[in-house]
Amino acid sequence: MENLHTEVLEQLRTRLLSSKSKLEQQLEMGESATGVVTLDQTSVGRVSRMDAMQQQSMAVSTRVKAASTLRNVQKALLRLDNGKYGFCNKCDENIELNRLMAQPEASFCLKCQDQIDRG
């Protein structure tokens, strides 16, 4: 991105790589929490099957969100490597630096993201 200095780009790359690592660890650790729910009648402080299923559902939802965010982070890293980072994927305008600092994996400017969110 023309308007971003190399130092800022490297700072954003470091944040993206850190996020990538954390998300990969989260997905790896959360894998067991999304398995089949079994009710262990012998365990102390038994959890009801409904509670266990609710916990599993939340784990699945968290895992899906983490996987989606990881894909966005990986795409942002590719855009950095290709020199296309910081430009909106829809209108090709610059993505505001404040937006990138808050959400380094952002691929749309605020205007386009708002249009996408509204459908």
N, C-alpha and C. Protein backbone atom coordinates (compact mmCIF):
# COMPACT_ATOMS: atom_id res chain seq x y z
N MET A 1 0.85 -1.17 0.00
CA MET A 1 0.00 0.00 0.00
C MET A 1 0.89 1.23 0.00
N GLU A 2 0.63 2.12 -0.90
CA GLU A 2 1.47 3.30 -1.07
C GLU A 2 1.55 4.16 0.18
N ASN A 3 0.45 4.34 0.87
CA ASN A 3 0.40 5.27 2.00
C ASN A 3 0.96 4.69 3.29
N LEU A 4 1.17 3.40 3.35
CA LEU A 4 1.68 2.79 4.57
C LEU A 4 3.18 2.62 4.46
N HIS A 5 3.89 3.09 5.46
CA HIS A 5 5.32 2.95 5.50
C HIS A 5 5.69 1.51 5.82
N THR A 6 6.88 1.13 5.45
CA THR A 6 7.38 -0.22 5.67
C THR A 6 7.29 -0.61 7.14
N GLU A 7 7.59 0.32 8.02
CA GLU A 7 7.55 0.04 9.46
C GLU A 7 6.15 -0.34 9.91
N VAL A 8 5.15 0.37 9.43
CA VAL A 8 3.75 0.09 9.79
C VAL A 8 3.33 -1.25 9.19
N LEU A 9 3.73 -1.51 7.95
CA LEU A 9 3.40 -2.80 7.32
C LEU A 9 4.00 -3.96 8.11
N GLU A 10 5.23 -3.81 8.56
CA GLU A 10 5.88 -4.88 9.34
C GLU A 10 5.19 -5.07 10.68
N GLN A 11 4.74 -3.96 11.27
CA GLN A 11 4.00 -4.06 12.53
C GLN A 11 2.69 -4.84 12.31
N LEU A 12 2.00 -4.53 11.22
CA LEU A 12 0.76 -5.23 10.90
C LEU A 12 1.03 -6.69 10.56
N ARG A 13 2.13 -6.98 9.85
CA ARG A 13 2.49 -8.36 9.53
C ARG A 13 2.74 -9.15 10.83
N THR A 14 3.44 -8.54 11.76
CA THR A 14 3.72 -9.19 13.04
C THR A 14 2.43 -9.51 13.77
N ARG A 15 1.50 -8.57 13.78
CA ARG A 15 0.20 -8.81 14.43
C ARG A 15 -0.58 -9.91 13.73
N LEU A 16 -0.54 -9.93 12.41
CA LEU A 16 -1.24 -10.98 11.66
C LEU A 16 -0.63 -12.35 11.94
N LEU A 17 0.69 -12.42 11.95
CA LEU A 17 1.36 -13.69 12.23
C LEU A 17 1.07 -14.18 13.65
N SER A 18 1.01 -13.25 14.59
CA SER A 18 0.66 -13.60 15.96
C SER A 18 -0.77 -14.13 16.04
N SER A 19 -1.69 -13.45 15.37
CA SER A 19 -3.08 -13.90 15.33
C SER A 19 -3.19 -15.28 14.69
N LYS A 20 -2.46 -15.48 13.62
CA LYS A 20 -2.47 -16.77 12.92
C LYS A 20 -2.04 -17.89 13.87
N SER A 21 -0.97 -17.67 14.57
CA SER A 21 -0.47 -18.67 15.51
C SER A 21 -1.48 -18.96 16.62
N LYS A 22 -2.06 -17.91 17.20
CA LYS A 22 -3.03 -18.08 18.28
C LYS A 22 -4.28 -18.82 17.79
N LEU A 23 -4.74 -18.47 16.60
CA LEU A 23 -5.94 -19.11 16.05
C LEU A 23 -5.68 -20.58 15.75
N GLU A 24 -4.51 -20.89 15.21
CA GLU A 24 -4.16 -22.29 14.94
C GLU A 24 -4.12 -23.09 16.24
N GLN A 25 -3.56 -22.52 17.29
CA GLN A 25 -3.52 -23.19 18.59
C GLN A 25 -4.93 -23.38 19.14
N GLN A 26 -5.75 -22.34 19.02
CA GLN A 26 -7.12 -22.41 19.51
C GLN A 26 -7.89 -23.51 18.79
N LEU A 27 -7.72 -23.60 17.48
CA LEU A 27 -8.41 -24.63 16.71
C LEU A 27 -7.93 -26.03 17.10
N GLU A 28 -6.65 -26.15 17.32
CA GLU A 28 -6.09 -27.45 17.71
C GLU A 28 -6.60 -27.88 19.08
N MET A 29 -6.61 -26.94 20.03
CA MET A 29 -7.06 -27.27 21.39
C MET A 29 -8.57 -27.50 21.44
N GLY A 30 -9.33 -26.81 20.62
CA GLY A 30 -10.78 -26.92 20.64
C GLY A 30 -11.33 -28.12 19.90
N GLU A 31 -10.46 -28.84 19.22
CA GLU A 31 -10.93 -29.98 18.44
C GLU A 31 -11.64 -31.02 19.30
N SER A 32 -11.10 -31.32 20.48
CA SER A 32 -11.71 -32.35 21.32
C SER A 32 -13.04 -31.90 21.91
N ALA A 33 -13.24 -30.60 22.07
CA ALA A 33 -14.48 -30.09 22.67
C ALA A 33 -15.67 -30.18 21.72
N THR A 34 -15.41 -30.47 20.45
CA THR A 34 -16.51 -30.53 19.47
C THR A 34 -16.91 -31.96 19.13
N GLY A 35 -16.36 -32.92 19.85
CA GLY A 35 -16.66 -34.33 19.58
C GLY A 35 -18.04 -34.72 20.08
N VAL A 36 -18.35 -36.00 19.96
CA VAL A 36 -19.64 -36.54 20.38
C VAL A 36 -19.78 -36.39 21.89
N VAL A 37 -20.95 -35.95 22.33
CA VAL A 37 -21.21 -35.78 23.76
C VAL A 37 -21.59 -37.12 24.36
N THR A 38 -20.84 -37.51 25.38
CA THR A 38 -21.20 -38.71 26.13
C THR A 38 -21.40 -38.29 27.57
N LEU A 39 -22.31 -38.93 28.25
CA LEU A 39 -22.61 -38.60 29.63
C LEU A 39 -21.96 -39.63 30.52
N ASP A 40 -21.00 -39.20 31.29
CA ASP A 40 -20.29 -40.09 32.20
C ASP A 40 -21.03 -40.09 33.53
N GLN A 41 -21.79 -41.13 33.79
CA GLN A 41 -22.60 -41.23 35.01
C GLN A 41 -21.75 -41.39 36.26
N THR A 42 -20.49 -41.78 36.10
CA THR A 42 -19.64 -42.03 37.26
C THR A 42 -18.84 -40.81 37.69
N SER A 43 -18.83 -39.77 36.91
CA SER A 43 -18.01 -38.61 37.26
C SER A 43 -18.61 -37.83 38.41
N VAL A 44 -17.74 -37.26 39.22
CA VAL A 44 -18.18 -36.43 40.33
C VAL A 44 -18.63 -35.09 39.76
N GLY A 45 -19.71 -34.53 40.31
CA GLY A 45 -20.21 -33.26 39.78
C GLY A 45 -20.73 -33.43 38.37
N ARG A 46 -21.56 -34.42 38.18
CA ARG A 46 -22.07 -34.75 36.85
C ARG A 46 -22.68 -33.55 36.13
N VAL A 47 -22.43 -33.51 34.84
CA VAL A 47 -23.02 -32.48 33.99
C VAL A 47 -24.14 -33.14 33.21
N SER A 48 -25.27 -32.49 33.19
CA SER A 48 -26.38 -33.08 32.45
C SER A 48 -26.06 -33.14 30.96
N ARG A 49 -26.71 -34.03 30.28
CA ARG A 49 -26.49 -34.17 28.84
C ARG A 49 -26.81 -32.87 28.11
N MET A 50 -27.86 -32.17 28.54
CA MET A 50 -28.21 -30.91 27.89
C MET A 50 -27.11 -29.87 28.08
N ASP A 51 -26.55 -29.80 29.28
CA ASP A 51 -25.45 -28.86 29.52
C ASP A 51 -24.25 -29.22 28.66
N ALA A 52 -23.96 -30.51 28.57
CA ALA A 52 -22.83 -30.96 27.76
C ALA A 52 -23.06 -30.64 26.29
N MET A 53 -24.30 -30.81 25.83
CA MET A 53 -24.60 -30.51 24.43
C MET A 53 -24.51 -29.00 24.17
N GLN A 54 -24.93 -28.21 25.15
CA GLN A 54 -24.85 -26.76 24.99
C GLN A 54 -23.38 -26.33 24.94
N GLN A 55 -22.56 -26.91 25.80
CA GLN A 55 -21.13 -26.59 25.78
C GLN A 55 -20.50 -27.00 24.46
N GLN A 56 -20.92 -28.15 23.93
CA GLN A 56 -20.40 -28.61 22.65
C GLN A 56 -20.82 -27.65 21.54
N SER A 57 -22.07 -27.19 21.57
CA SER A 57 -22.56 -26.26 20.57
C SER A 57 -21.78 -24.95 20.59
N MET A 58 -21.48 -24.46 21.79
CA MET A 58 -20.69 -23.23 21.91
C MET A 58 -19.27 -23.46 21.40
N ALA A 59 -18.72 -24.64 21.67
CA ALA A 59 -17.37 -24.96 21.20
C ALA A 59 -17.34 -25.01 19.68
N VAL A 60 -18.36 -25.59 19.07
CA VAL A 60 -18.44 -25.66 17.61
C VAL A 60 -18.54 -24.25 17.03
N SER A 61 -19.39 -23.42 17.62
CA SER A 61 -19.55 -22.05 17.14
C SER A 61 -18.23 -21.27 17.25
N THR A 62 -17.55 -21.41 18.37
CA THR A 62 -16.26 -20.75 18.56
C THR A 62 -15.24 -21.23 17.55
N ARG A 63 -15.26 -22.53 17.28
CA ARG A 63 -14.32 -23.12 16.32
C ARG A 63 -14.59 -22.61 14.90
N VAL A 64 -15.85 -22.51 14.52
CA VAL A 64 -16.21 -22.01 13.19
C VAL A 64 -15.75 -20.56 13.03
N LYS A 65 -15.98 -19.75 14.07
CA LYS A 65 -15.56 -18.34 14.04
C LYS A 65 -14.03 -18.24 13.95
N ALA A 66 -13.32 -19.06 14.72
CA ALA A 66 -11.85 -19.03 14.69
C ALA A 66 -11.33 -19.46 13.33
N ALA A 67 -11.95 -20.46 12.72
CA ALA A 67 -11.53 -20.93 11.39
C ALA A 67 -11.75 -19.84 10.34
N SER A 68 -12.87 -19.15 10.44
CA SER A 68 -13.16 -18.05 9.51
C SER A 68 -12.16 -16.91 9.67
N THR A 69 -11.88 -16.55 10.90
CA THR A 69 -10.91 -15.49 11.16
C THR A 69 -9.53 -15.90 10.67
N LEU A 70 -9.16 -17.16 10.89
CA LEU A 70 -7.86 -17.66 10.42
C LEU A 70 -7.75 -17.54 8.90
N ARG A 71 -8.81 -17.89 8.18
CA ARG A 71 -8.80 -17.75 6.72
C ARG A 71 -8.59 -16.29 6.32
N ASN A 72 -9.25 -15.37 7.01
CA ASN A 72 -9.10 -13.94 6.72
C ASN A 72 -7.68 -13.47 7.01
N VAL A 73 -7.08 -13.95 8.07
CA VAL A 73 -5.70 -13.59 8.42
C VAL A 73 -4.75 -14.12 7.34
N GLN A 74 -4.96 -15.36 6.92
CA GLN A 74 -4.11 -15.94 5.88
C GLN A 74 -4.22 -15.17 4.57
N LYS A 75 -5.43 -14.75 4.23
CA LYS A 75 -5.63 -13.95 3.01
C LYS A 75 -4.94 -12.60 3.13
N ALA A 76 -5.00 -11.99 4.32
CA ALA A 76 -4.34 -10.70 4.53
C ALA A 76 -2.83 -10.85 4.38
N LEU A 77 -2.27 -11.93 4.89
CA LEU A 77 -0.83 -12.18 4.74
C LEU A 77 -0.46 -12.36 3.27
N LEU A 78 -1.32 -13.02 2.51
CA LEU A 78 -1.08 -13.16 1.06
C LEU A 78 -1.12 -11.80 0.37
N ARG A 79 -2.10 -10.96 0.76
CA ARG A 79 -2.18 -9.62 0.17
C ARG A 79 -0.93 -8.81 0.51
N LEU A 80 -0.41 -8.97 1.71
CA LEU A 80 0.82 -8.29 2.09
C LEU A 80 1.96 -8.73 1.18
N ASP A 81 2.06 -10.03 0.95
CA ASP A 81 3.13 -10.57 0.10
C ASP A 81 2.98 -10.13 -1.36
N ASN A 82 1.74 -9.95 -1.81
CA ASN A 82 1.46 -9.58 -3.20
C ASN A 82 1.42 -8.06 -3.43
N GLY A 83 1.61 -7.29 -2.37
CA GLY A 83 1.55 -5.83 -2.51
C GLY A 83 0.14 -5.29 -2.64
N LYS A 84 -0.86 -6.09 -2.31
CA LYS A 84 -2.26 -5.65 -2.43
C LYS A 84 -2.90 -5.36 -1.08
N TYR A 85 -2.11 -5.43 -0.03
CA TYR A 85 -2.63 -5.21 1.32
C TYR A 85 -3.01 -3.75 1.51
N GLY A 86 -4.13 -3.53 2.19
CA GLY A 86 -4.55 -2.17 2.49
C GLY A 86 -5.50 -1.58 1.47
N PHE A 87 -5.82 -2.35 0.44
CA PHE A 87 -6.77 -1.89 -0.57
C PHE A 87 -8.05 -2.71 -0.45
N CYS A 88 -9.18 -2.05 -0.55
CA CYS A 88 -10.48 -2.70 -0.46
C CYS A 88 -10.66 -3.70 -1.60
N ASN A 89 -11.12 -4.89 -1.26
CA ASN A 89 -11.36 -5.92 -2.28
C ASN A 89 -12.56 -5.61 -3.17
N LYS A 90 -13.38 -4.66 -2.76
CA LYS A 90 -14.57 -4.33 -3.55
C LYS A 90 -14.37 -3.08 -4.41
N CYS A 91 -13.94 -1.97 -3.78
CA CYS A 91 -13.84 -0.71 -4.52
C CYS A 91 -12.39 -0.34 -4.88
N ASP A 92 -11.44 -1.08 -4.36
CA ASP A 92 -10.01 -0.89 -4.62
C ASP A 92 -9.45 0.40 -4.05
N GLU A 93 -10.21 1.06 -3.17
CA GLU A 93 -9.71 2.26 -2.48
C GLU A 93 -8.90 1.82 -1.27
N ASN A 94 -8.12 2.76 -0.71
CA ASN A 94 -7.35 2.47 0.49
C ASN A 94 -8.27 2.16 1.66
N ILE A 95 -7.90 1.15 2.43
CA ILE A 95 -8.57 0.88 3.70
C ILE A 95 -7.90 1.79 4.73
N GLU A 96 -8.70 2.47 5.51
CA GLU A 96 -8.18 3.43 6.48
C GLU A 96 -7.22 2.75 7.45
N LEU A 97 -6.13 3.45 7.79
CA LEU A 97 -5.12 2.90 8.69
C LEU A 97 -5.72 2.54 10.04
N ASN A 98 -6.62 3.37 10.55
CA ASN A 98 -7.25 3.06 11.84
C ASN A 98 -7.99 1.73 11.79
N ARG A 99 -8.63 1.45 10.67
CA ARG A 99 -9.34 0.17 10.51
C ARG A 99 -8.34 -0.98 10.49
N LEU A 100 -7.25 -0.82 9.76
CA LEU A 100 -6.25 -1.88 9.70
C LEU A 100 -5.58 -2.10 11.05
N MET A 101 -5.38 -1.03 11.81
CA MET A 101 -4.78 -1.18 13.13
C MET A 101 -5.73 -1.92 14.07
N ALA A 102 -7.02 -1.67 13.94
CA ALA A 102 -8.01 -2.33 14.78
C ALA A 102 -8.29 -3.76 14.32
N GLN A 103 -8.26 -3.97 13.00
CA GLN A 103 -8.58 -5.27 12.42
C GLN A 103 -7.65 -5.50 11.24
N PRO A 104 -6.42 -5.97 11.51
CA PRO A 104 -5.41 -6.10 10.44
C PRO A 104 -5.84 -7.02 9.29
N GLU A 105 -6.78 -7.92 9.54
CA GLU A 105 -7.21 -8.84 8.49
C GLU A 105 -8.33 -8.28 7.62
N ALA A 106 -8.73 -7.03 7.88
CA ALA A 106 -9.82 -6.41 7.11
C ALA A 106 -9.49 -6.39 5.62
N SER A 107 -10.47 -6.77 4.81
CA SER A 107 -10.25 -6.78 3.36
C SER A 107 -11.17 -5.79 2.63
N PHE A 108 -12.00 -5.08 3.41
CA PHE A 108 -12.90 -4.09 2.83
C PHE A 108 -12.80 -2.79 3.61
N CYS A 109 -12.97 -1.67 2.92
CA CYS A 109 -13.04 -0.38 3.61
C CYS A 109 -14.35 -0.35 4.40
N LEU A 110 -14.48 0.60 5.29
CA LEU A 110 -15.68 0.67 6.12
C LEU A 110 -16.96 0.83 5.31
N LYS A 111 -16.90 1.65 4.27
CA LYS A 111 -18.09 1.89 3.43
C LYS A 111 -18.56 0.59 2.77
N CYS A 112 -17.63 -0.13 2.16
CA CYS A 112 -18.00 -1.38 1.49
C CYS A 112 -18.41 -2.45 2.50
N GLN A 113 -17.72 -2.52 3.65
CA GLN A 113 -18.07 -3.50 4.67
C GLN A 113 -19.48 -3.24 5.17
N ASP A 114 -19.84 -1.97 5.33
CA ASP A 114 -21.19 -1.63 5.77
C ASP A 114 -22.22 -2.07 4.74
N GLN A 115 -21.92 -1.88 3.45
CA GLN A 115 -22.84 -2.33 2.39
C GLN A 115 -22.99 -3.85 2.41
N ILE A 116 -21.88 -4.54 2.62
CA ILE A 116 -21.91 -6.01 2.68
C ILE A 116 -22.73 -6.48 3.88
N ASP A 117 -22.53 -5.84 5.03
CA ASP A 117 -23.25 -6.22 6.24
C ASP A 117 -24.74 -6.00 6.12
N ARG A 118 -25.12 -4.98 5.38
CA ARG A 118 -26.54 -4.67 5.19
C ARG A 118 -27.20 -5.58 4.16
N GLY A 119 -26.37 -6.27 3.38
CA GLY A 119 -26.90 -7.20 2.39
C GLY A 119 -27.25 -6.51 1.15
